[in-house]
């Protein structure tokens, strides 16, 4: 291709030179293509090369990388030593599994942010600094619905990652993912760097990603994110953290340029709650939307957000929201589908005033909700195991019902209360509870009990080959 282009250019020059028999000097000059300035004689000074190597990217990395850490975990899995003995009350064995992720320091006295799925269920958590120094870590709190966690180490005067804003990101601006991908393979504690751009903002990832489940209102980047990057910072060219690397979409298991990070503005709110209360104050407005009967994510994006139920005594009822209203705006953001409504709820704080716009018939009404704490005793709290019957998803059930999930727990029976207040109905398949992927009815039951004992239960389920999320408390 290169020689062909050269030949065409040469032919063009010959034709230009043949237009006139004896062109004057001025005419010839006017037909001459612009020439590159002459190169300086001799080698380029080393000082100039060194200066050109330093960019906004290298400066940003120098600013943030000292605060990036490796998070190592250990989980204990119990299994029967002897199968027959086990069913007769016999002994069990233990298998210890190691995990790894990334994190970054947000306070010099040892406060570190990472992903919830990095530390969830771990019996032991430790943190390695970039120089190899290791500390035992305590999990301060988890928010599994947003996949964020705070851990603490006993240390002082640590380097801190500067936090930026995610509300004014520009699609196409530089992004830098810093973390420890494939940490067990590489065997290094120093973080590595990958570079890309902000590919999109406000992205909703339903039923996908390496951690599974649904992720809403995320930053999308093509900076390479791989296993072990989870919990590390996504940084802008100014050297400020704009997100927490959380998941990727990949058919191969490795990065294909579809990485997703939790916006730092949401992260700040959640970290504050976890540090102050040990748990996240769950904002609640009391609206349950209709579950659209559609087949693809593209269809979900255009179905609208129609109110199916308003909880009595809730902020929504007090504000005047009615069943059948279509939500079209929340704050300054439009609402075009259930994803965008749920994404807006993620950024709310308890006590905040939320102006919403609802379409009722041919009129658009402006209402204001006062966001409340999720109540301790309301219709949203249910005793799941007494009102919900599950069966393990099998190949026969998958084929009969056309289920997309390879594993999960099928809802066989569901009470009216669970259908109205949680949204689960017969035929749904529970695919994930918290950060735990579900492979049986027993696993679903155990996960609901485990997560419900310490806060809200975040659940992802499949209906008509589409994935949805819901959350609730156990009574």
Protein backbone atom coordinates (compact mmCIF):
# COMPACT_ATOMS: atom_id res chain seq x y z
CA UNK A 1 0.00 0.00 0.00
CA UNK A 2 2.84 2.36 0.81
CA UNK A 3 4.59 1.94 -2.62
CA UNK A 4 1.29 2.36 -4.46
CA UNK A 5 0.54 5.64 -2.73
CA UNK A 6 4.04 6.90 -3.54
CA UNK A 7 3.56 6.04 -7.19
CA UNK A 8 0.26 7.89 -7.38
CA UNK A 9 1.81 10.96 -5.75
CA UNK A 10 4.72 10.88 -8.15
CA UNK A 11 2.36 10.65 -11.14
CA UNK A 12 0.41 13.63 -9.83
CA UNK A 13 3.54 15.71 -9.65
CA UNK A 14 4.50 14.77 -13.23
CA UNK A 15 1.07 15.77 -14.53
CA UNK A 16 1.26 19.08 -12.70
CA UNK A 17 4.66 19.73 -14.24
CA UNK A 18 3.35 19.01 -17.75
CA UNK A 19 0.47 21.51 -17.72
CA UNK A 20 2.62 24.26 -19.22
CA UNK A 21 5.48 23.86 -21.70
CA UNK A 22 7.93 26.21 -19.95
CA UNK A 23 6.45 27.48 -16.71
CA UNK A 24 7.92 30.59 -15.20
CA UNK A 25 9.73 30.44 -11.87
CA UNK A 26 6.80 31.98 -10.00
CA UNK A 27 4.31 29.58 -11.61
CA UNK A 28 6.51 26.62 -10.77
CA UNK A 29 6.76 27.77 -7.16
CA UNK A 30 3.00 28.11 -6.92
CA UNK A 31 2.58 24.52 -8.09
CA UNK A 32 5.16 23.13 -5.67
CA UNK A 33 3.74 21.18 -2.67
CA UNK A 34 4.52 22.61 0.81
CA UNK A 35 7.84 21.33 2.06
CA UNK A 36 8.63 20.18 5.58
CA UNK A 37 11.12 22.40 7.40
CA UNK A 38 14.68 21.11 7.26
CA UNK A 39 15.69 18.76 10.06
CA UNK A 40 18.33 20.06 12.41
CA UNK A 41 21.75 18.67 11.70
CA UNK A 42 23.12 16.13 14.16
CA UNK A 43 21.32 14.10 16.88
CA UNK A 44 18.37 15.47 18.92
CA UNK A 45 19.63 16.61 22.34
CA UNK A 46 18.89 14.10 25.10
CA UNK A 47 17.38 16.86 27.24
CA UNK A 48 14.69 17.47 24.62
CA UNK A 49 13.78 13.75 24.49
CA UNK A 50 13.59 13.55 28.27
CA UNK A 51 11.31 16.57 28.40
CA UNK A 52 8.97 15.13 25.79
CA UNK A 53 8.53 11.92 27.80
CA UNK A 54 6.80 13.80 30.60
CA UNK A 55 3.09 14.30 29.91
CA UNK A 56 -0.12 14.98 31.81
CA UNK A 57 -0.51 11.21 32.07
CA UNK A 58 2.84 10.62 33.76
CA UNK A 59 2.22 13.52 36.14
CA UNK A 60 -1.23 12.18 37.06
CA UNK A 61 0.18 8.70 37.73
CA UNK A 62 2.90 10.14 39.98
CA UNK A 63 0.22 11.96 41.93
CA UNK A 64 -2.12 9.01 42.54
CA UNK A 65 -0.08 5.79 42.32
CA UNK A 66 1.54 6.12 45.79
CA UNK A 67 -1.96 5.84 47.32
CA UNK A 68 -2.97 2.69 45.40
CA UNK A 69 -2.78 -0.58 47.33
CA UNK A 70 -3.27 -4.30 46.76
CA UNK A 71 -6.10 -5.91 48.73
CA UNK A 72 -5.64 -9.61 49.49
CA UNK A 73 -8.37 -11.78 50.97
CA UNK A 74 -8.87 -15.28 52.28
CA UNK A 75 -12.19 -17.11 52.35
CA UNK A 76 -12.94 -20.44 54.03
CA UNK A 77 -15.10 -22.96 52.20
CA UNK A 78 -16.45 -25.94 54.12
CA UNK A 79 -16.98 -29.27 52.42
CA UNK A 80 -17.76 -32.82 53.59
CA UNK A 81 -14.71 -34.99 54.18
CA UNK A 82 -16.81 -38.10 53.88
CA UNK A 83 -20.04 -37.81 51.95
CA UNK A 84 -21.95 -40.42 53.99
CA UNK A 85 -20.63 -39.12 57.30
CA UNK A 86 -21.71 -35.61 56.34
CA UNK A 87 -25.37 -36.57 55.99
CA UNK A 88 -25.20 -38.39 59.31
CA UNK A 89 -23.89 -35.31 61.12
CA UNK A 90 -20.25 -36.10 60.53
CA UNK A 91 -17.26 -33.84 60.20
CA UNK A 92 -16.50 -31.36 57.47
CA UNK A 93 -13.28 -30.10 56.00
CA UNK A 94 -12.09 -26.61 55.14
CA UNK A 95 -10.68 -25.23 51.92
CA UNK A 96 -9.00 -21.82 51.99
CA UNK A 97 -9.24 -19.70 48.86
CA UNK A 98 -7.20 -16.58 48.17
CA UNK A 99 -8.51 -13.51 46.37
CA UNK A 100 -6.97 -10.26 45.21
CA UNK A 101 -8.10 -6.79 44.22
CA UNK A 102 -7.04 -3.18 44.40
CA UNK A 103 -7.93 -0.15 46.51
CA UNK A 104 -6.84 3.40 47.20
CA UNK A 105 -6.23 5.43 50.35
CA UNK A 106 -8.66 8.28 50.98
CA UNK A 107 -7.48 9.27 54.46
CA UNK A 108 -3.96 9.35 55.80
CA UNK A 109 -4.94 7.44 58.95
CA UNK A 110 -5.54 4.20 57.01
CA UNK A 111 -9.00 4.49 55.40
CA UNK A 112 -9.10 2.62 52.07
CA UNK A 113 -11.83 2.29 49.42
CA UNK A 114 -12.29 -0.89 47.38
CA UNK A 115 -15.10 -2.96 45.84
CA UNK A 116 -17.55 -4.88 48.02
CA UNK A 117 -17.09 -7.99 45.87
CA UNK A 118 -13.35 -7.92 46.66
CA UNK A 119 -13.85 -8.35 50.42
CA UNK A 120 -17.37 -9.81 50.76
CA UNK A 121 -17.38 -13.06 52.71
CA UNK A 122 -13.65 -12.87 53.48
CA UNK A 123 -12.44 -14.31 56.77
CA UNK A 124 -9.20 -12.35 56.50
CA UNK A 125 -8.26 -9.15 54.65
CA UNK A 126 -4.78 -7.67 54.29
CA UNK A 127 -3.40 -4.70 52.41
CA UNK A 128 -0.02 -4.42 50.67
CA UNK A 129 1.50 -1.00 50.00
CA UNK A 130 3.49 -0.35 46.84
CA UNK A 131 6.78 -0.87 48.73
CA UNK A 132 5.65 -4.33 49.89
CA UNK A 133 4.70 -3.36 53.46
CA UNK A 134 1.68 -5.40 54.58
CA UNK A 135 -1.04 -4.60 57.09
CA UNK A 136 -3.93 -6.61 58.48
CA UNK A 137 -7.15 -4.84 57.55
CA UNK A 138 -10.58 -4.47 59.15
CA UNK A 139 -13.70 -4.19 57.02
CA UNK A 140 -15.50 -1.05 58.22
CA UNK A 141 -18.59 -1.55 56.09
CA UNK A 142 -20.01 -2.78 52.79
CA UNK A 143 -22.59 -1.50 50.34
CA UNK A 144 -23.20 -4.42 48.04
CA UNK A 145 -25.89 -2.71 46.00
CA UNK A 146 -23.26 -0.19 44.85
CA UNK A 147 -20.32 -2.63 45.10
CA UNK A 148 -18.31 -0.42 47.47
CA UNK A 149 -16.47 -1.19 50.70
CA UNK A 150 -14.32 0.65 53.20
CA UNK A 151 -11.45 -1.08 55.01
CA UNK A 152 -9.09 0.29 57.67
CA UNK A 153 -5.46 -0.40 58.47
CA UNK A 154 -3.49 0.77 61.50
CA UNK A 155 -1.11 3.25 59.94
CA UNK A 156 -0.47 6.98 59.91
CA UNK A 157 0.68 9.66 57.49
CA UNK A 158 -0.14 7.61 54.42
CA UNK A 159 -0.26 9.10 50.91
CA UNK A 160 -3.82 10.05 49.94
CA UNK A 161 -5.40 9.92 46.49
CA UNK A 162 -6.91 13.29 45.50
CA UNK A 163 -10.64 12.95 44.77
CA UNK A 164 -12.16 14.79 41.84
CA UNK A 165 -15.73 15.06 40.53
CA UNK A 166 -17.67 12.78 38.24
CA UNK A 167 -20.56 15.17 37.58
CA UNK A 168 -18.75 17.12 34.86
CA UNK A 169 -16.91 14.37 32.97
CA UNK A 170 -16.35 14.91 29.25
CA UNK A 171 -16.80 11.97 26.91
CA UNK A 172 -13.44 11.51 25.19
CA UNK A 173 -11.25 12.90 27.97
CA UNK A 174 -8.26 10.86 29.17
CA UNK A 175 -8.71 8.19 31.82
CA UNK A 176 -6.08 6.19 33.69
CA UNK A 177 -6.86 2.88 35.42
CA UNK A 178 -4.41 2.08 38.22
CA UNK A 179 -4.36 -1.22 40.07
CA UNK A 180 -2.88 -4.69 40.33
CA UNK A 181 -4.33 -6.82 37.50
CA UNK A 182 -3.58 -10.54 37.70
CA UNK A 183 -1.68 -9.84 40.90
CA UNK A 184 -1.02 -13.48 41.79
CA UNK A 185 0.52 -14.12 38.38
CA UNK A 186 2.70 -11.02 38.27
CA UNK A 187 3.76 -11.20 41.91
CA UNK A 188 4.32 -7.45 42.28
CA UNK A 189 2.91 -4.99 44.80
CA UNK A 190 3.58 -1.90 42.65
CA UNK A 191 0.45 -0.87 40.75
CA UNK A 192 0.37 -0.89 36.97
CA UNK A 193 -1.25 1.64 34.66
CA UNK A 194 -3.49 1.51 31.59
CA UNK A 195 -4.76 4.50 29.65
CA UNK A 196 -7.92 5.21 27.66
CA UNK A 197 -10.74 7.72 27.47
CA UNK A 198 -14.17 8.25 28.98
CA UNK A 199 -16.23 6.19 26.52
CA UNK A 200 -19.58 7.13 28.06
CA UNK A 201 -21.28 8.30 31.23
CA UNK A 202 -24.52 7.23 32.89
CA UNK A 203 -24.14 3.72 31.47
CA UNK A 204 -26.51 0.98 32.67
CA UNK A 205 -25.09 -2.53 32.58
CA UNK A 206 -27.84 -5.11 33.19
CA UNK A 207 -26.99 -8.74 33.87
CA UNK A 208 -23.44 -8.37 32.57
CA UNK A 209 -19.89 -7.75 33.78
CA UNK A 210 -17.26 -9.89 35.42
CA UNK A 211 -18.98 -9.56 38.78
CA UNK A 212 -22.41 -10.27 37.31
CA UNK A 213 -25.64 -8.52 38.16
CA UNK A 214 -26.78 -5.03 37.28
CA UNK A 215 -24.69 -1.87 37.50
CA UNK A 216 -26.36 1.50 37.00
CA UNK A 217 -25.17 4.99 36.10
CA UNK A 218 -21.57 3.91 35.56
CA UNK A 219 -18.59 5.53 33.86
CA UNK A 220 -17.55 3.53 30.80
CA UNK A 221 -13.89 3.53 29.74
CA UNK A 222 -11.72 1.71 27.25
CA UNK A 223 -8.71 1.80 29.60
CA UNK A 224 -7.80 -1.86 30.07
CA UNK A 225 -9.36 -3.27 33.27
CA UNK A 226 -8.67 -6.89 34.18
CA UNK A 227 -9.20 -9.19 37.18
CA UNK A 228 -7.31 -7.65 40.10
CA UNK A 229 -8.06 -4.08 38.97
CA UNK A 230 -11.34 -4.20 40.91
CA UNK A 231 -11.47 -1.48 43.55
CA UNK A 232 -8.63 0.55 42.06
CA UNK A 233 -9.04 4.18 41.02
CA UNK A 234 -10.00 5.56 37.63
CA UNK A 235 -8.11 8.82 37.30
CA UNK A 236 -8.38 11.88 35.03
CA UNK A 237 -5.50 13.75 33.40
CA UNK A 238 -5.40 16.18 36.33
CA UNK A 239 -4.45 13.37 38.69
CA UNK A 240 -7.84 13.15 40.44
CA UNK A 241 -9.86 10.02 41.15
CA UNK A 242 -13.12 10.14 39.18
CA UNK A 243 -14.32 6.58 39.73
CA UNK A 244 -13.77 3.16 41.30
CA UNK A 245 -13.04 0.40 38.78
CA UNK A 246 -15.70 -2.24 39.28
CA UNK A 247 -16.53 -4.47 36.31
CA UNK A 248 -15.95 -5.29 32.68
CA UNK A 249 -18.05 -6.73 29.92
CA UNK A 250 -16.09 -9.48 28.25
CA UNK A 251 -16.85 -12.60 26.22
CA UNK A 252 -13.27 -13.79 26.69
CA UNK A 253 -12.50 -13.16 30.38
CA UNK A 254 -9.99 -10.39 29.57
CA UNK A 255 -10.35 -6.71 28.78
CA UNK A 256 -12.01 -5.92 25.45
CA UNK A 257 -12.26 -2.18 26.05
CA UNK A 258 -15.59 -2.20 27.93
CA UNK A 259 -14.72 -1.28 31.50
CA UNK A 260 -17.02 0.32 34.06
CA UNK A 261 -16.31 2.43 37.14
CA UNK A 262 -18.51 3.68 39.99
CA UNK A 263 -18.67 7.50 39.87
CA UNK A 264 -16.63 9.17 42.62
CA UNK A 265 -19.48 11.53 43.61
CA UNK A 266 -21.59 8.51 44.63
CA UNK A 267 -18.56 6.88 46.24
CA UNK A 268 -17.96 9.90 48.50
CA UNK A 269 -21.51 9.74 49.86
CA UNK A 270 -21.32 6.01 50.52
CA UNK A 271 -17.90 6.22 52.18
CA UNK A 272 -19.16 8.94 54.50
CA UNK A 273 -22.11 6.77 55.53
CA UNK A 274 -19.95 3.69 56.06
CA UNK A 275 -17.47 5.60 58.21
CA UNK A 276 -20.15 7.31 60.28
CA UNK A 277 -22.70 4.51 60.63
CA UNK A 278 -20.93 1.31 59.52
CA UNK A 279 -23.70 0.92 56.95
CA UNK A 280 -25.25 2.97 54.19
CA UNK A 281 -28.40 4.88 54.98
CA UNK A 282 -30.73 3.55 52.33
CA UNK A 283 -32.66 6.40 50.67
CA UNK A 284 -36.32 5.51 50.21
CA UNK A 285 -39.19 7.18 48.34
CA UNK A 286 -41.76 4.37 48.22
CA UNK A 287 -42.26 3.96 44.47
CA UNK A 288 -42.43 0.60 42.73
CA UNK A 289 -42.31 0.69 38.94
CA UNK A 290 -43.99 -1.60 36.45
CA UNK A 291 -41.69 -4.36 35.20
CA UNK A 292 -41.66 -4.01 31.40
CA UNK A 293 -42.46 -7.13 29.39
CA UNK A 294 -39.71 -6.75 26.82
CA UNK A 295 -36.93 -8.92 25.39
CA UNK A 296 -33.88 -6.68 24.97
CA UNK A 297 -32.04 -3.92 26.81
CA UNK A 298 -32.70 -1.60 23.87
CA UNK A 299 -36.44 -2.11 24.37
CA UNK A 300 -36.13 -1.44 28.11
CA UNK A 301 -34.45 1.88 27.33
CA UNK A 302 -37.57 3.18 25.63
CA UNK A 303 -40.50 1.77 27.63
CA UNK A 304 -40.82 4.60 30.14
CA UNK A 305 -40.97 4.45 33.95
CA UNK A 306 -44.58 3.87 35.01
CA UNK A 307 -45.56 3.74 38.68
CA UNK A 308 -47.09 0.37 39.60
CA UNK A 309 -47.41 0.93 43.35
CA UNK A 310 -47.06 3.75 45.88
CA UNK A 311 -46.30 2.56 49.43
CA UNK A 312 -48.78 4.00 51.97
CA UNK A 313 -47.21 6.65 54.17
CA UNK A 314 -44.14 6.93 51.93
CA UNK A 315 -42.54 10.15 50.67
CA UNK A 316 -44.07 9.44 47.26
CA UNK A 317 -47.59 9.23 48.67
CA UNK A 318 -47.11 12.41 50.69
CA UNK A 319 -45.90 14.22 47.56
CA UNK A 320 -48.97 13.14 45.58
CA UNK A 321 -47.53 10.44 43.29
CA UNK A 322 -50.26 8.11 41.97
CA UNK A 323 -50.34 4.65 40.42
CA UNK A 324 -50.19 5.01 36.64
CA UNK A 325 -48.07 8.17 36.70
CA UNK A 326 -45.14 8.12 34.31
CA UNK A 327 -41.89 9.47 35.72
CA UNK A 328 -40.26 11.74 33.13
CA UNK A 329 -37.76 13.71 35.23
CA UNK A 330 -35.86 13.54 38.52
CA UNK A 331 -33.88 16.57 39.61
CA UNK A 332 -32.16 17.92 36.52
CA UNK A 333 -32.04 14.55 34.75
CA UNK A 334 -34.60 13.02 32.39
CA UNK A 335 -36.17 9.66 33.21
CA UNK A 336 -36.93 7.55 30.16
CA UNK A 337 -36.87 4.04 31.60
CA UNK A 338 -36.61 2.10 34.90
CA UNK A 339 -32.80 2.07 34.67
CA UNK A 340 -32.57 5.85 34.73
CA UNK A 341 -34.95 6.11 37.70
CA UNK A 342 -33.02 3.51 39.71
CA UNK A 343 -29.74 5.21 38.78
CA UNK A 344 -31.05 8.54 40.09
CA UNK A 345 -31.99 6.93 43.40
CA UNK A 346 -28.40 5.78 43.89
CA UNK A 347 -27.22 9.38 44.30
CA UNK A 348 -29.83 10.48 46.84
CA UNK A 349 -29.15 11.31 50.46
CA UNK A 350 -31.63 10.83 53.29
CA UNK A 351 -33.37 14.14 53.98
CA UNK A 352 -32.72 15.50 50.50
CA UNK A 353 -35.49 17.22 48.53
CA UNK A 354 -35.97 15.55 45.15
CA UNK A 355 -38.07 17.41 42.57
CA UNK A 356 -39.67 15.03 40.09
CA UNK A 357 -41.84 15.45 37.01
CA UNK A 358 -44.66 12.99 36.39
CA UNK A 359 -46.89 12.72 33.34
CA UNK A 360 -50.50 12.15 34.32
CA UNK A 361 -52.75 11.89 31.30
CA UNK A 362 -51.87 14.87 29.11
CA UNK A 363 -50.37 16.97 31.91
CA UNK A 364 -46.85 17.16 33.34
CA UNK A 365 -46.85 17.79 37.11
CA UNK A 366 -43.93 18.94 39.26
CA UNK A 367 -43.80 17.26 42.66
CA UNK A 368 -41.21 17.27 45.44
CA UNK A 369 -40.23 14.20 47.45
CA UNK A 370 -38.46 14.34 50.79
CA UNK A 371 -36.15 11.31 50.75
CA UNK A 372 -36.50 9.19 53.89
CA UNK A 373 -34.57 6.36 55.52
CA UNK A 374 -35.77 2.94 54.47
CA UNK A 375 -38.21 2.22 57.32
CA UNK A 376 -37.53 -0.49 59.86
CA UNK A 377 -41.07 -1.85 59.86
CA UNK A 378 -42.94 -1.30 56.61
CA UNK A 379 -44.43 -3.33 53.84
CA UNK A 380 -40.99 -3.50 52.22
CA UNK A 381 -39.76 -5.80 55.00
CA UNK A 382 -40.83 -9.36 54.38
CA UNK A 383 -40.05 -12.78 55.71
CA UNK A 384 -38.89 -14.23 52.43
CA UNK A 385 -38.46 -17.89 53.23
CA UNK A 386 -42.04 -18.27 54.49
CA UNK A 387 -43.59 -16.62 51.43
CA UNK A 388 -41.26 -17.67 48.64
CA UNK A 389 -40.68 -21.16 47.26
CA UNK A 390 -37.61 -21.70 45.10
CA UNK A 391 -36.36 -24.58 42.98
CA UNK A 392 -32.91 -25.05 41.52
CA UNK A 393 -32.70 -24.16 37.85
CA UNK A 394 -32.00 -27.28 35.76
CA UNK A 395 -31.36 -27.76 32.05
CA UNK A 396 -34.88 -29.14 31.60
CA UNK A 397 -36.41 -26.07 33.27
CA UNK A 398 -34.16 -23.76 31.25
CA UNK A 399 -35.27 -25.28 27.97
CA UNK A 400 -38.93 -25.46 28.91
CA UNK A 401 -39.12 -21.83 30.04
CA UNK A 402 -36.54 -20.33 27.66
CA UNK A 403 -34.34 -19.02 30.49
CA UNK A 404 -31.10 -17.29 29.49
CA UNK A 405 -29.25 -17.89 32.79
CA UNK A 406 -27.07 -20.99 33.03
CA UNK A 407 -27.77 -21.32 36.74
CA UNK A 408 -29.98 -19.81 39.40
CA UNK A 409 -33.07 -20.39 41.54
CA UNK A 410 -36.52 -20.39 39.93
CA UNK A 411 -39.39 -18.74 41.83
CA UNK A 412 -41.96 -21.53 42.06
CA UNK A 413 -44.40 -19.87 44.46
CA UNK A 414 -44.64 -16.20 45.48
CA UNK A 415 -47.09 -14.53 47.85
CA UNK A 416 -49.06 -11.46 46.83
CA UNK A 417 -47.02 -9.39 49.28
CA UNK A 418 -43.73 -10.40 47.70
CA UNK A 419 -45.09 -9.72 44.23
CA UNK A 420 -46.30 -6.26 45.25
CA UNK A 421 -43.48 -5.15 47.51
CA UNK A 422 -40.36 -6.83 46.14
CA UNK A 423 -41.46 -7.43 42.57
CA UNK A 424 -40.69 -11.16 42.38
CA UNK A 425 -43.27 -13.39 40.73
CA UNK A 426 -43.60 -17.00 39.64
CA UNK A 427 -41.22 -17.85 36.81
CA UNK A 428 -38.53 -15.32 37.74
CA UNK A 429 -35.02 -16.69 38.15
CA UNK A 430 -32.84 -15.34 40.97
CA UNK A 431 -29.37 -14.98 39.47
CA UNK A 432 -27.52 -13.01 42.13
CA UNK A 433 -27.91 -12.00 45.78
CA UNK A 434 -25.54 -9.27 46.91
CA UNK A 435 -22.28 -10.14 45.19
CA UNK A 436 -22.99 -13.90 45.30
CA UNK A 437 -23.87 -15.68 42.07
CA UNK A 438 -26.64 -18.22 42.70
CA UNK A 439 -26.38 -21.83 41.51
CA UNK A 440 -29.18 -23.47 43.51
CA UNK A 441 -32.30 -22.83 45.53
CA UNK A 442 -30.35 -23.63 48.71
CA UNK A 443 -27.66 -21.09 47.79
CA UNK A 444 -30.31 -18.41 47.19
CA UNK A 445 -31.94 -19.11 50.57
CA UNK A 446 -28.60 -19.01 52.40
CA UNK A 447 -27.49 -15.82 50.64
CA UNK A 448 -30.74 -14.02 51.43
CA UNK A 449 -30.41 -14.98 55.10
CA UNK A 450 -26.72 -14.00 55.19
CA UNK A 451 -27.05 -10.61 53.54
CA UNK A 452 -30.37 -9.86 55.25
CA UNK A 453 -28.82 -10.30 58.68
CA UNK A 454 -26.66 -7.18 58.20
CA UNK A 455 -28.72 -4.87 56.01
CA UNK A 456 -30.70 -4.64 52.80
CA UNK A 457 -30.75 -7.60 50.41
CA UNK A 458 -29.76 -6.60 46.88
CA UNK A 459 -31.11 -9.11 44.36
CA UNK A 460 -30.82 -9.55 40.58
CA UNK A 461 -33.40 -11.66 38.77
CA UNK A 462 -34.22 -12.67 35.21
CA UNK A 463 -37.67 -12.30 33.64
CA UNK A 464 -38.35 -12.93 29.95
CA UNK A 465 -34.60 -13.12 29.28
CA UNK A 466 -33.99 -9.65 30.74
CA UNK A 467 -32.31 -8.85 34.07
CA UNK A 468 -33.73 -6.58 36.76
CA UNK A 469 -32.78 -5.64 40.29
CA UNK A 470 -34.65 -5.12 43.53
CA UNK A 471 -33.77 -4.67 47.21
CA UNK A 472 -35.57 -5.31 50.48
CA UNK A 473 -35.09 -5.93 54.18
CA UNK A 474 -35.79 -9.11 56.11
CA UNK A 475 -38.18 -8.78 59.02
